[in-house]
Amino acid sequence: DLRLQHYCFLIPEADFDAFFARLKETGVP
């Protein structure tokens, strides 16, 4: 029953580097 859904999150520019570092740590493409 899974179908691709899309969710977009708006974050402050100042928080992007920390978020992106956490994303890269996960190894998720």
mmCIF file of all heavy atoms, coordinates in Angstrom:
data_MODEL
# 
_entry.id   MODEL 
# 
loop_
_atom_site.group_PDB 
_atom_site.id 
_atom_site.type_symbol 
_atom_site.label_atom_id 
_atom_site.label_alt_id 
_atom_site.label_comp_id 
_atom_site.label_asym_id 
_atom_site.label_entity_id 
_atom_site.label_seq_id 
_atom_site.pdbx_PDB_ins_code 
_atom_site.Cartn_x 
_atom_site.Cartn_y 
_atom_site.Cartn_z 
_atom_site.occupancy 
_atom_site.B_iso_or_equiv 
_atom_site.pdbx_formal_charge 
_atom_site.auth_seq_id 
_atom_site.auth_comp_id 
_atom_site.auth_asym_id 
_atom_site.auth_atom_id 
_atom_site.pdbx_PDB_model_num 
ATOM 1   N N   . ASP A 1 1  ? 0.806  -1.226 0.000  1.00 0.00 ? 1  ASP A N   1 
ATOM 2   C CA  . ASP A 1 1  ? 0.000  0.000  0.000  1.00 0.00 ? 1  ASP A CA  1 
ATOM 3   C C   . ASP A 1 1  ? 0.839  1.275  0.000  1.00 0.00 ? 1  ASP A C   1 
ATOM 4   O O   . ASP A 1 1  ? 0.297  2.374  -0.066 1.00 0.00 ? 1  ASP A O   1 
ATOM 5   C CB  . ASP A 1 1  ? -0.933 0.016  1.217  1.00 0.00 ? 1  ASP A CB  1 
ATOM 6   C CG  . ASP A 1 1  ? -1.988 -1.067 1.142  1.00 0.00 ? 1  ASP A CG  1 
ATOM 7   O OD1 . ASP A 1 1  ? -2.304 -1.531 0.019  1.00 0.00 ? 1  ASP A OD1 1 
ATOM 8   O OD2 . ASP A 1 1  ? -2.493 -1.463 2.208  1.00 0.00 ? 1  ASP A OD2 1 
ATOM 9   N N   . LEU A 1 2  ? 2.156  1.139  0.097  1.00 0.00 ? 2  LEU A N   1 
ATOM 10  C CA  . LEU A 1 2  ? 3.017  2.322  0.103  1.00 0.00 ? 2  LEU A CA  1 
ATOM 11  C C   . LEU A 1 2  ? 3.059  2.972  -1.270 1.00 0.00 ? 2  LEU A C   1 
ATOM 12  O O   . LEU A 1 2  ? 3.195  2.299  -2.278 1.00 0.00 ? 2  LEU A O   1 
ATOM 13  C CB  . LEU A 1 2  ? 4.441  1.950  0.529  1.00 0.00 ? 2  LEU A CB  1 
ATOM 14  C CG  . LEU A 1 2  ? 4.643  1.631  1.997  1.00 0.00 ? 2  LEU A CG  1 
ATOM 15  C CD1 . LEU A 1 2  ? 6.042  1.066  2.225  1.00 0.00 ? 2  LEU A CD1 1 
ATOM 16  C CD2 . LEU A 1 2  ? 4.418  2.865  2.856  1.00 0.00 ? 2  LEU A CD2 1 
ATOM 17  N N   . ARG A 1 3  ? 2.919  4.285  -1.296 1.00 0.00 ? 3  ARG A N   1 
ATOM 18  C CA  . ARG A 1 3  ? 3.037  5.090  -2.507 1.00 0.00 ? 3  ARG A CA  1 
ATOM 19  C C   . ARG A 1 3  ? 3.946  6.262  -2.175 1.00 0.00 ? 3  ARG A C   1 
ATOM 20  O O   . ARG A 1 3  ? 3.920  6.774  -1.056 1.00 0.00 ? 3  ARG A O   1 
ATOM 21  C CB  . ARG A 1 3  ? 1.682  5.633  -2.959 1.00 0.00 ? 3  ARG A CB  1 
ATOM 22  C CG  . ARG A 1 3  ? 0.614  4.598  -3.212 1.00 0.00 ? 3  ARG A CG  1 
ATOM 23  C CD  . ARG A 1 3  ? 0.886  3.783  -4.473 1.00 0.00 ? 3  ARG A CD  1 
ATOM 24  N NE  . ARG A 1 3  ? -0.131 2.798  -4.735 1.00 0.00 ? 3  ARG A NE  1 
ATOM 25  C CZ  . ARG A 1 3  ? -0.147 1.550  -4.279 1.00 0.00 ? 3  ARG A CZ  1 
ATOM 26  N NH1 . ARG A 1 3  ? 0.816  1.130  -3.478 1.00 0.00 ? 3  ARG A NH1 1 
ATOM 27  N NH2 . ARG A 1 3  ? -1.110 0.711  -4.582 1.00 0.00 ? 3  ARG A NH2 1 
ATOM 28  N N   . LEU A 1 4  ? 4.700  6.718  -3.144 1.00 0.00 ? 4  LEU A N   1 
ATOM 29  C CA  . LEU A 1 4  ? 5.581  7.847  -2.911 1.00 0.00 ? 4  LEU A CA  1 
ATOM 30  C C   . LEU A 1 4  ? 4.765  9.075  -2.523 1.00 0.00 ? 4  LEU A C   1 
ATOM 31  O O   . LEU A 1 4  ? 3.835  9.466  -3.224 1.00 0.00 ? 4  LEU A O   1 
ATOM 32  C CB  . LEU A 1 4  ? 6.421  8.151  -4.161 1.00 0.00 ? 4  LEU A CB  1 
ATOM 33  C CG  . LEU A 1 4  ? 7.345  9.361  -4.056 1.00 0.00 ? 4  LEU A CG  1 
ATOM 34  C CD1 . LEU A 1 4  ? 8.437  9.111  -3.026 1.00 0.00 ? 4  LEU A CD1 1 
ATOM 35  C CD2 . LEU A 1 4  ? 7.954  9.691  -5.394 1.00 0.00 ? 4  LEU A CD2 1 
ATOM 36  N N   . GLN A 1 5  ? 5.098  9.650  -1.390 1.00 0.00 ? 5  GLN A N   1 
ATOM 37  C CA  . GLN A 1 5  ? 4.521  10.905 -0.925 1.00 0.00 ? 5  GLN A CA  1 
ATOM 38  C C   . GLN A 1 5  ? 5.667  11.914 -0.861 1.00 0.00 ? 5  GLN A C   1 
ATOM 39  O O   . GLN A 1 5  ? 6.815  11.533 -0.718 1.00 0.00 ? 5  GLN A O   1 
ATOM 40  C CB  . GLN A 1 5  ? 3.914  10.743 0.470  1.00 0.00 ? 5  GLN A CB  1 
ATOM 41  C CG  . GLN A 1 5  ? 2.820  9.711  0.563  1.00 0.00 ? 5  GLN A CG  1 
ATOM 42  C CD  . GLN A 1 5  ? 1.562  10.155 -0.141 1.00 0.00 ? 5  GLN A CD  1 
ATOM 43  O OE1 . GLN A 1 5  ? 1.169  11.321 -0.072 1.00 0.00 ? 5  GLN A OE1 1 
ATOM 44  N NE2 . GLN A 1 5  ? 0.917  9.252  -0.838 1.00 0.00 ? 5  GLN A NE2 1 
ATOM 45  N N   . HIS A 1 6  ? 5.340  13.190 -0.927 1.00 0.00 ? 6  HIS A N   1 
ATOM 46  C CA  . HIS A 1 6  ? 6.377  14.232 -0.870 1.00 0.00 ? 6  HIS A CA  1 
ATOM 47  C C   . HIS A 1 6  ? 6.066  15.172 0.279  1.00 0.00 ? 6  HIS A C   1 
ATOM 48  O O   . HIS A 1 6  ? 4.937  15.644 0.429  1.00 0.00 ? 6  HIS A O   1 
ATOM 49  C CB  . HIS A 1 6  ? 6.416  15.009 -2.188 1.00 0.00 ? 6  HIS A CB  1 
ATOM 50  C CG  . HIS A 1 6  ? 7.362  16.165 -2.154 1.00 0.00 ? 6  HIS A CG  1 
ATOM 51  N ND1 . HIS A 1 6  ? 8.724  16.020 -2.234 1.00 0.00 ? 6  HIS A ND1 1 
ATOM 52  C CD2 . HIS A 1 6  ? 7.134  17.496 -2.014 1.00 0.00 ? 6  HIS A CD2 1 
ATOM 53  C CE1 . HIS A 1 6  ? 9.304  17.213 -2.168 1.00 0.00 ? 6  HIS A CE1 1 
ATOM 54  N NE2 . HIS A 1 6  ? 8.355  18.124 -2.032 1.00 0.00 ? 6  HIS A NE2 1 
ATOM 55  N N   . TYR A 1 7  ? 7.093  15.458 1.088  1.00 0.00 ? 7  TYR A N   1 
ATOM 56  C CA  . TYR A 1 7  ? 6.974  16.383 2.206  1.00 0.00 ? 7  TYR A CA  1 
ATOM 57  C C   . TYR A 1 7  ? 8.151  17.346 2.143  1.00 0.00 ? 7  TYR A C   1 
ATOM 58  O O   . TYR A 1 7  ? 9.295  16.929 1.997  1.00 0.00 ? 7  TYR A O   1 
ATOM 59  C CB  . TYR A 1 7  ? 6.997  15.633 3.544  1.00 0.00 ? 7  TYR A CB  1 
ATOM 60  C CG  . TYR A 1 7  ? 5.898  14.599 3.640  1.00 0.00 ? 7  TYR A CG  1 
ATOM 61  C CD1 . TYR A 1 7  ? 6.127  13.286 3.240  1.00 0.00 ? 7  TYR A CD1 1 
ATOM 62  C CD2 . TYR A 1 7  ? 4.632  14.939 4.101  1.00 0.00 ? 7  TYR A CD2 1 
ATOM 63  C CE1 . TYR A 1 7  ? 5.113  12.332 3.310  1.00 0.00 ? 7  TYR A CE1 1 
ATOM 64  C CE2 . TYR A 1 7  ? 3.613  13.990 4.170  1.00 0.00 ? 7  TYR A CE2 1 
ATOM 65  C CZ  . TYR A 1 7  ? 3.863  12.686 3.774  1.00 0.00 ? 7  TYR A CZ  1 
ATOM 66  O OH  . TYR A 1 7  ? 2.863  11.758 3.836  1.00 0.00 ? 7  TYR A OH  1 
ATOM 67  N N   . CYS A 1 8  ? 7.855  18.641 2.254  1.00 0.00 ? 8  CYS A N   1 
ATOM 68  C CA  . CYS A 1 8  ? 8.904  19.659 2.186  1.00 0.00 ? 8  CYS A CA  1 
ATOM 69  C C   . CYS A 1 8  ? 8.926  20.434 3.495  1.00 0.00 ? 8  CYS A C   1 
ATOM 70  O O   . CYS A 1 8  ? 7.879  20.864 3.991  1.00 0.00 ? 8  CYS A O   1 
ATOM 71  C CB  . CYS A 1 8  ? 8.640  20.609 1.019  1.00 0.00 ? 8  CYS A CB  1 
ATOM 72  S SG  . CYS A 1 8  ? 9.920  21.871 0.856  1.00 0.00 ? 8  CYS A SG  1 
ATOM 73  N N   . PHE A 1 9  ? 10.127 20.621 4.029  1.00 0.00 ? 9  PHE A N   1 
ATOM 74  C CA  . PHE A 1 9  ? 10.300 21.310 5.303  1.00 0.00 ? 9  PHE A CA  1 
ATOM 75  C C   . PHE A 1 9  ? 11.155 22.557 5.096  1.00 0.00 ? 9  PHE A C   1 
ATOM 76  O O   . PHE A 1 9  ? 12.208 22.496 4.481  1.00 0.00 ? 9  PHE A O   1 
ATOM 77  C CB  . PHE A 1 9  ? 10.967 20.378 6.323  1.00 0.00 ? 9  PHE A CB  1 
ATOM 78  C CG  . PHE A 1 9  ? 10.150 19.146 6.568  1.00 0.00 ? 9  PHE A CG  1 
ATOM 79  C CD1 . PHE A 1 9  ? 10.393 17.989 5.834  1.00 0.00 ? 9  PHE A CD1 1 
ATOM 80  C CD2 . PHE A 1 9  ? 9.131  19.144 7.498  1.00 0.00 ? 9  PHE A CD2 1 
ATOM 81  C CE1 . PHE A 1 9  ? 9.620  16.854 6.020  1.00 0.00 ? 9  PHE A CE1 1 
ATOM 82  C CE2 . PHE A 1 9  ? 8.363  18.007 7.694  1.00 0.00 ? 9  PHE A CE2 1 
ATOM 83  C CZ  . PHE A 1 9  ? 8.612  16.866 6.966  1.00 0.00 ? 9  PHE A CZ  1 
ATOM 84  N N   . LEU A 1 10 ? 10.684 23.664 5.637  1.00 0.00 ? 10 LEU A N   1 
ATOM 85  C CA  . LEU A 1 10 ? 11.390 24.944 5.569  1.00 0.00 ? 10 LEU A CA  1 
ATOM 86  C C   . LEU A 1 10 ? 12.145 25.126 6.879  1.00 0.00 ? 10 LEU A C   1 
ATOM 87  O O   . LEU A 1 10 ? 11.538 25.094 7.958  1.00 0.00 ? 10 LEU A O   1 
ATOM 88  C CB  . LEU A 1 10 ? 10.384 26.082 5.368  1.00 0.00 ? 10 LEU A CB  1 
ATOM 89  C CG  . LEU A 1 10 ? 10.920 27.506 5.341  1.00 0.00 ? 10 LEU A CG  1 
ATOM 90  C CD1 . LEU A 1 10 ? 11.838 27.721 4.140  1.00 0.00 ? 10 LEU A CD1 1 
ATOM 91  C CD2 . LEU A 1 10 ? 9.763  28.493 5.307  1.00 0.00 ? 10 LEU A CD2 1 
ATOM 92  N N   . ILE A 1 11 ? 13.465 25.282 6.784  1.00 0.00 ? 11 ILE A N   1 
ATOM 93  C CA  . ILE A 1 11 ? 14.280 25.497 7.980  1.00 0.00 ? 11 ILE A CA  1 
ATOM 94  C C   . ILE A 1 11 ? 15.071 26.793 7.818  1.00 0.00 ? 11 ILE A C   1 
ATOM 95  O O   . ILE A 1 11 ? 15.284 27.260 6.696  1.00 0.00 ? 11 ILE A O   1 
ATOM 96  C CB  . ILE A 1 11 ? 15.235 24.308 8.256  1.00 0.00 ? 11 ILE A CB  1 
ATOM 97  C CG1 . ILE A 1 11 ? 16.316 24.175 7.172  1.00 0.00 ? 11 ILE A CG1 1 
ATOM 98  C CG2 . ILE A 1 11 ? 14.456 23.011 8.435  1.00 0.00 ? 11 ILE A CG2 1 
ATOM 99  C CD1 . ILE A 1 11 ? 17.410 23.156 7.488  1.00 0.00 ? 11 ILE A CD1 1 
ATOM 100 N N   . PRO A 1 12 ? 15.541 27.365 8.922  1.00 0.00 ? 12 PRO A N   1 
ATOM 101 C CA  . PRO A 1 12 ? 16.362 28.572 8.815  1.00 0.00 ? 12 PRO A CA  1 
ATOM 102 C C   . PRO A 1 12 ? 17.688 28.268 8.118  1.00 0.00 ? 12 PRO A C   1 
ATOM 103 O O   . PRO A 1 12 ? 18.266 27.189 8.298  1.00 0.00 ? 12 PRO A O   1 
ATOM 104 C CB  . PRO A 1 12 ? 16.610 28.979 10.272 1.00 0.00 ? 12 PRO A CB  1 
ATOM 105 C CG  . PRO A 1 12 ? 15.566 28.285 11.065 1.00 0.00 ? 12 PRO A CG  1 
ATOM 106 C CD  . PRO A 1 12 ? 15.248 27.024 10.322 1.00 0.00 ? 12 PRO A CD  1 
ATOM 107 N N   . GLU A 1 13 ? 18.164 29.216 7.356  1.00 0.00 ? 13 GLU A N   1 
ATOM 108 C CA  . GLU A 1 13 ? 19.463 29.077 6.680  1.00 0.00 ? 13 GLU A CA  1 
ATOM 109 C C   . GLU A 1 13 ? 20.558 28.717 7.686  1.00 0.00 ? 13 GLU A C   1 
ATOM 110 O O   . GLU A 1 13 ? 21.415 27.880 7.413  1.00 0.00 ? 13 GLU A O   1 
ATOM 111 C CB  . GLU A 1 13 ? 19.807 30.382 5.952  1.00 0.00 ? 13 GLU A CB  1 
ATOM 112 C CG  . GLU A 1 13 ? 21.146 30.380 5.256  1.00 0.00 ? 13 GLU A CG  1 
ATOM 113 C CD  . GLU A 1 13 ? 21.251 29.409 4.090  1.00 0.00 ? 13 GLU A CD  1 
ATOM 114 O OE1 . GLU A 1 13 ? 20.270 29.244 3.342  1.00 0.00 ? 13 GLU A OE1 1 
ATOM 115 O OE2 . GLU A 1 13 ? 22.332 28.800 3.932  1.00 0.00 ? 13 GLU A OE2 1 
ATOM 116 N N   . ALA A 1 14 ? 20.507 29.319 8.865  1.00 0.00 ? 14 ALA A N   1 
ATOM 117 C CA  . ALA A 1 14 ? 21.531 29.084 9.885  1.00 0.00 ? 14 ALA A CA  1 
ATOM 118 C C   . ALA A 1 14 ? 21.554 27.636 10.378 1.00 0.00 ? 14 ALA A C   1 
ATOM 119 O O   . ALA A 1 14 ? 22.554 27.189 10.932 1.00 0.00 ? 14 ALA A O   1 
ATOM 120 C CB  . ALA A 1 14 ? 21.315 30.031 11.064 1.00 0.00 ? 14 ALA A CB  1 
ATOM 121 N N   . ASP A 1 15 ? 20.465 26.891 10.177 1.00 0.00 ? 15 ASP A N   1 
ATOM 122 C CA  . ASP A 1 15 ? 20.388 25.498 10.639 1.00 0.00 ? 15 ASP A CA  1 
ATOM 123 C C   . ASP A 1 15 ? 20.729 24.484 9.553  1.00 0.00 ? 15 ASP A C   1 
ATOM 124 O O   . ASP A 1 15 ? 20.803 23.283 9.831  1.00 0.00 ? 15 ASP A O   1 
ATOM 125 C CB  . ASP A 1 15 ? 18.985 25.193 11.165 1.00 0.00 ? 15 ASP A CB  1 
ATOM 126 C CG  . ASP A 1 15 ? 18.660 25.952 12.433 1.00 0.00 ? 15 ASP A CG  1 
ATOM 127 O OD1 . ASP A 1 15 ? 19.596 26.485 13.070 1.00 0.00 ? 15 ASP A OD1 1 
ATOM 128 O OD2 . ASP A 1 15 ? 17.468 26.013 12.796 1.00 0.00 ? 15 ASP A OD2 1 
ATOM 129 N N   . PHE A 1 16 ? 20.914 24.946 8.319  1.00 0.00 ? 16 PHE A N   1 
ATOM 130 C CA  . PHE A 1 16 ? 21.098 23.994 7.217  1.00 0.00 ? 16 PHE A CA  1 
ATOM 131 C C   . PHE A 1 16 ? 22.372 23.173 7.364  1.00 0.00 ? 16 PHE A C   1 
ATOM 132 O O   . PHE A 1 16 ? 22.354 21.964 7.122  1.00 0.00 ? 16 PHE A O   1 
ATOM 133 C CB  . PHE A 1 16 ? 21.083 24.711 5.858  1.00 0.00 ? 16 PHE A CB  1 
ATOM 134 C CG  . PHE A 1 16 ? 21.038 23.744 4.703  1.00 0.00 ? 16 PHE A CG  1 
ATOM 135 C CD1 . PHE A 1 16 ? 19.835 23.232 4.256  1.00 0.00 ? 16 PHE A CD1 1 
ATOM 136 C CD2 . PHE A 1 16 ? 22.197 23.338 4.068  1.00 0.00 ? 16 PHE A CD2 1 
ATOM 137 C CE1 . PHE A 1 16 ? 19.776 22.335 3.198  1.00 0.00 ? 16 PHE A CE1 1 
ATOM 138 C CE2 . PHE A 1 16 ? 22.162 22.435 3.012  1.00 0.00 ? 16 PHE A CE2 1 
ATOM 139 C CZ  . PHE A 1 16 ? 20.951 21.934 2.576  1.00 0.00 ? 16 PHE A CZ  1 
ATOM 140 N N   . ASP A 1 17 ? 23.480 23.787 7.740  1.00 0.00 ? 17 ASP A N   1 
ATOM 141 C CA  . ASP A 1 17 ? 24.738 23.040 7.838  1.00 0.00 ? 17 ASP A CA  1 
ATOM 142 C C   . ASP A 1 17 ? 24.633 21.884 8.826  1.00 0.00 ? 17 ASP A C   1 
ATOM 143 O O   . ASP A 1 17 ? 25.092 20.774 8.542  1.00 0.00 ? 17 ASP A O   1 
ATOM 144 C CB  . ASP A 1 17 ? 25.898 23.961 8.215  1.00 0.00 ? 17 ASP A CB  1 
ATOM 145 C CG  . ASP A 1 17 ? 26.282 24.905 7.083  1.00 0.00 ? 17 ASP A CG  1 
ATOM 146 O OD1 . ASP A 1 17 ? 26.061 24.564 5.901  1.00 0.00 ? 17 ASP A OD1 1 
ATOM 147 O OD2 . ASP A 1 17 ? 26.795 25.999 7.377  1.00 0.00 ? 17 ASP A OD2 1 
ATOM 148 N N   . ALA A 1 18 ? 24.044 22.129 9.985  1.00 0.00 ? 18 ALA A N   1 
ATOM 149 C CA  . ALA A 1 18 ? 23.897 21.063 10.987 1.00 0.00 ? 18 ALA A CA  1 
ATOM 150 C C   . ALA A 1 18 ? 22.960 19.976 10.472 1.00 0.00 ? 18 ALA A C   1 
ATOM 151 O O   . ALA A 1 18 ? 23.252 18.777 10.613 1.00 0.00 ? 18 ALA A O   1 
ATOM 152 C CB  . ALA A 1 18 ? 23.388 21.639 12.297 1.00 0.00 ? 18 ALA A CB  1 
ATOM 153 N N   . PHE A 1 19 ? 21.840 20.373 9.881  1.00 0.00 ? 19 PHE A N   1 
ATOM 154 C CA  . PHE A 1 19 ? 20.927 19.385 9.288  1.00 0.00 ? 19 PHE A CA  1 
ATOM 155 C C   . PHE A 1 19 ? 21.660 18.553 8.234  1.00 0.00 ? 19 PHE A C   1 
ATOM 156 O O   . PHE A 1 19 ? 21.575 17.321 8.231  1.00 0.00 ? 19 PHE A O   1 
ATOM 157 C CB  . PHE A 1 19 ? 19.708 20.081 8.652  1.00 0.00 ? 19 PHE A CB  1 
ATOM 158 C CG  . PHE A 1 19 ? 19.154 19.317 7.498  1.00 0.00 ? 19 PHE A CG  1 
ATOM 159 C CD1 . PHE A 1 19 ? 18.387 18.177 7.704  1.00 0.00 ? 19 PHE A CD1 1 
ATOM 160 C CD2 . PHE A 1 19 ? 19.451 19.678 6.188  1.00 0.00 ? 19 PHE A CD2 1 
ATOM 161 C CE1 . PHE A 1 19 ? 17.922 17.427 6.630  1.00 0.00 ? 19 PHE A CE1 1 
ATOM 162 C CE2 . PHE A 1 19 ? 18.996 18.940 5.117  1.00 0.00 ? 19 PHE A CE2 1 
ATOM 163 C CZ  . PHE A 1 19 ? 18.215 17.813 5.343  1.00 0.00 ? 19 PHE A CZ  1 
ATOM 164 N N   . PHE A 1 20 ? 22.369 19.219 7.346  1.00 0.00 ? 20 PHE A N   1 
ATOM 165 C CA  . PHE A 1 20 ? 23.019 18.530 6.237  1.00 0.00 ? 20 PHE A CA  1 
ATOM 166 C C   . PHE A 1 20 ? 24.104 17.575 6.738  1.00 0.00 ? 20 PHE A C   1 
ATOM 167 O O   . PHE A 1 20 ? 24.266 16.468 6.201  1.00 0.00 ? 20 PHE A O   1 
ATOM 168 C CB  . PHE A 1 20 ? 23.586 19.541 5.242  1.00 0.00 ? 20 PHE A CB  1 
ATOM 169 C CG  . PHE A 1 20 ? 24.025 18.947 3.950  1.00 0.00 ? 20 PHE A CG  1 
ATOM 170 C CD1 . PHE A 1 20 ? 23.159 18.169 3.188  1.00 0.00 ? 20 PHE A CD1 1 
ATOM 171 C CD2 . PHE A 1 20 ? 25.305 19.146 3.482  1.00 0.00 ? 20 PHE A CD2 1 
ATOM 172 C CE1 . PHE A 1 20 ? 23.576 17.600 1.988  1.00 0.00 ? 20 PHE A CE1 1 
ATOM 173 C CE2 . PHE A 1 20 ? 25.731 18.588 2.282  1.00 0.00 ? 20 PHE A CE2 1 
ATOM 174 C CZ  . PHE A 1 20 ? 24.863 17.811 1.543  1.00 0.00 ? 20 PHE A CZ  1 
ATOM 175 N N   . ALA A 1 21 ? 24.810 17.962 7.779  1.00 0.00 ? 21 ALA A N   1 
ATOM 176 C CA  . ALA A 1 21 ? 25.814 17.064 8.371  1.00 0.00 ? 21 ALA A CA  1 
ATOM 177 C C   . ALA A 1 21 ? 25.140 15.801 8.915  1.00 0.00 ? 21 ALA A C   1 
ATOM 178 O O   . ALA A 1 21 ? 25.642 14.686 8.721  1.00 0.00 ? 21 ALA A O   1 
ATOM 179 C CB  . ALA A 1 21 ? 26.579 17.784 9.480  1.00 0.00 ? 21 ALA A CB  1 
ATOM 180 N N   . ARG A 1 22 ? 23.989 15.979 9.567  1.00 0.00 ? 22 ARG A N   1 
ATOM 181 C CA  . ARG A 1 22 ? 23.252 14.805 10.078 1.00 0.00 ? 22 ARG A CA  1 
ATOM 182 C C   . ARG A 1 22 ? 22.760 13.939 8.943  1.00 0.00 ? 22 ARG A C   1 
ATOM 183 O O   . ARG A 1 22 ? 22.798 12.703 9.022  1.00 0.00 ? 22 ARG A O   1 
ATOM 184 C CB  . ARG A 1 22 ? 22.102 15.259 10.981 1.00 0.00 ? 22 ARG A CB  1 
ATOM 185 C CG  . ARG A 1 22 ? 22.558 15.868 12.298 1.00 0.00 ? 22 ARG A CG  1 
ATOM 186 C CD  . ARG A 1 22 ? 21.415 16.107 13.266 1.00 0.00 ? 22 ARG A CD  1 
ATOM 187 N NE  . ARG A 1 22 ? 20.438 17.073 12.802 1.00 0.00 ? 22 ARG A NE  1 
ATOM 188 C CZ  . ARG A 1 22 ? 20.469 18.374 13.063 1.00 0.00 ? 22 ARG A CZ  1 
ATOM 189 N NH1 . ARG A 1 22 ? 21.448 18.890 13.794 1.00 0.00 ? 22 ARG A NH1 1 
ATOM 190 N NH2 . ARG A 1 22 ? 19.512 19.172 12.621 1.00 0.00 ? 22 ARG A NH2 1 
ATOM 191 N N   . LEU A 1 23 ? 22.290 14.555 7.851  1.00 0.00 ? 23 LEU A N   1 
ATOM 192 C CA  . LEU A 1 23 ? 21.838 13.782 6.697  1.00 0.00 ? 23 LEU A CA  1 
ATOM 193 C C   . LEU A 1 23 ? 22.987 12.962 6.129  1.00 0.00 ? 23 LEU A C   1 
ATOM 194 O O   . LEU A 1 23 ? 22.834 11.758 5.861  1.00 0.00 ? 23 LEU A O   1 
ATOM 195 C CB  . LEU A 1 23 ? 21.258 14.708 5.620  1.00 0.00 ? 23 LEU A CB  1 
ATOM 196 C CG  . LEU A 1 23 ? 20.822 14.029 4.315  1.00 0.00 ? 23 LEU A CG  1 
ATOM 197 C CD1 . LEU A 1 23 ? 19.699 13.015 4.558  1.00 0.00 ? 23 LEU A CD1 1 
ATOM 198 C CD2 . LEU A 1 23 ? 20.399 15.072 3.289  1.00 0.00 ? 23 LEU A CD2 1 
ATOM 199 N N   . LYS A 1 24 ? 24.141 13.578 5.941  1.00 0.00 ? 24 LYS A N   1 
ATOM 200 C CA  . LYS A 1 24 ? 25.293 12.860 5.388  1.00 0.00 ? 24 LYS A CA  1 
ATOM 201 C C   . LYS A 1 24 ? 25.723 11.713 6.307  1.00 0.00 ? 24 LYS A C   1 
ATOM 202 O O   . LYS A 1 24 ? 26.108 10.649 5.823  1.00 0.00 ? 24 LYS A O   1 
ATOM 203 C CB  . LYS A 1 24 ? 26.452 13.812 5.115  1.00 0.00 ? 24 LYS A CB  1 
ATOM 204 C CG  . LYS A 1 24 ? 26.158 14.749 3.933  1.00 0.00 ? 24 LYS A CG  1 
ATOM 205 C CD  . LYS A 1 24 ? 27.378 15.470 3.415  1.00 0.00 ? 24 LYS A CD  1 
ATOM 206 C CE  . LYS A 1 24 ? 27.954 16.425 4.394  1.00 0.00 ? 24 LYS A CE  1 
ATOM 207 N NZ  . LYS A 1 24 ? 29.010 17.279 3.829  1.00 0.00 ? 24 LYS A NZ  1 
ATOM 208 N N   . GLU A 1 25 ? 25.623 11.901 7.617  1.00 0.00 ? 25 GLU A N   1 
ATOM 209 C CA  . GLU A 1 25 ? 25.974 10.840 8.573  1.00 0.00 ? 25 GLU A CA  1 
ATOM 210 C C   . GLU A 1 25 ? 25.118 9.593  8.394  1.00 0.00 ? 25 GLU A C   1 
ATOM 211 O O   . GLU A 1 25 ? 25.572 8.486  8.668  1.00 0.00 ? 25 GLU A O   1 
ATOM 212 C CB  . GLU A 1 25 ? 25.812 11.337 10.011 1.00 0.00 ? 25 GLU A CB  1 
ATOM 213 C CG  . GLU A 1 25 ? 26.905 12.244 10.493 1.00 0.00 ? 25 GLU A CG  1 
ATOM 214 C CD  . GLU A 1 25 ? 26.600 12.812 11.880 1.00 0.00 ? 25 GLU A CD  1 
ATOM 215 O OE1 . GLU A 1 25 ? 25.614 12.377 12.525 1.00 0.00 ? 25 GLU A OE1 1 
ATOM 216 O OE2 . GLU A 1 25 ? 27.342 13.704 12.317 1.00 0.00 ? 25 GLU A OE2 1 
ATOM 217 N N   . THR A 1 26 ? 23.875 9.769  7.949  1.00 0.00 ? 26 THR A N   1 
ATOM 218 C CA  . THR A 1 26 ? 22.975 8.614  7.787  1.00 0.00 ? 26 THR A CA  1 
ATOM 219 C C   . THR A 1 26 ? 23.393 7.729  6.621  1.00 0.00 ? 26 THR A C   1 
ATOM 220 O O   . THR A 1 26 ? 23.020 6.561  6.569  1.00 0.00 ? 26 THR A O   1 
ATOM 221 C CB  . THR A 1 26 ? 21.517 9.049  7.548  1.00 0.00 ? 26 THR A CB  1 
ATOM 222 O OG1 . THR A 1 26 ? 21.403 9.666  6.255  1.00 0.00 ? 26 THR A OG1 1 
ATOM 223 C CG2 . THR A 1 26 ? 21.004 9.963  8.645  1.00 0.00 ? 26 THR A CG2 1 
ATOM 224 N N   . GLY A 1 27 ? 24.124 8.296  5.659  1.00 0.00 ? 27 GLY A N   1 
ATOM 225 C CA  . GLY A 1 27 ? 24.494 7.539  4.464  1.00 0.00 ? 27 GLY A CA  1 
ATOM 226 C C   . GLY A 1 27 ? 23.379 7.456  3.442  1.00 0.00 ? 27 GLY A C   1 
ATOM 227 O O   . GLY A 1 27 ? 23.520 6.801  2.410  1.00 0.00 ? 27 GLY A O   1 
ATOM 228 N N   . VAL A 1 28 ? 22.263 8.127  3.697  1.00 0.00 ? 28 VAL A N   1 
ATOM 229 C CA  . VAL A 1 28 ? 21.135 8.131  2.762  1.00 0.00 ? 28 VAL A CA  1 
ATOM 230 C C   . VAL A 1 28 ? 21.520 8.949  1.538  1.00 0.00 ? 28 VAL A C   1 
ATOM 231 O O   . VAL A 1 28 ? 22.015 10.071 1.676  1.00 0.00 ? 28 VAL A O   1 
ATOM 232 C CB  . VAL A 1 28 ? 19.878 8.720  3.440  1.00 0.00 ? 28 VAL A CB  1 
ATOM 233 C CG1 . VAL A 1 28 ? 18.776 8.982  2.438  1.00 0.00 ? 28 VAL A CG1 1 
ATOM 234 C CG2 . VAL A 1 28 ? 19.396 7.803  4.546  1.00 0.00 ? 28 VAL A CG2 1 
ATOM 235 N N   . PRO A 1 29 ? 21.315 8.414  0.341  1.00 0.00 ? 29 PRO A N   1 
ATOM 236 C CA  . PRO A 1 29 ? 21.603 9.201  -0.868 1.00 0.00 ? 29 PRO A CA  1 
ATOM 237 C C   . PRO A 1 29 ? 20.744 10.466 -0.913 1.00 0.00 ? 29 PRO A C   1 
ATOM 238 O O   . PRO A 1 29 ? 19.584 10.450 -0.519 1.00 0.00 ? 29 PRO A O   1 
ATOM 239 C CB  . PRO A 1 29 ? 21.234 8.266  -2.015 1.00 0.00 ? 29 PRO A CB  1 
ATOM 240 C CG  . PRO A 1 29 ? 21.224 6.898  -1.420 1.00 0.00 ? 29 PRO A CG  1 
ATOM 241 C CD  . PRO A 1 29 ? 20.838 7.067  0.017  1.00 0.00 ? 29 PRO A CD  1 
# 
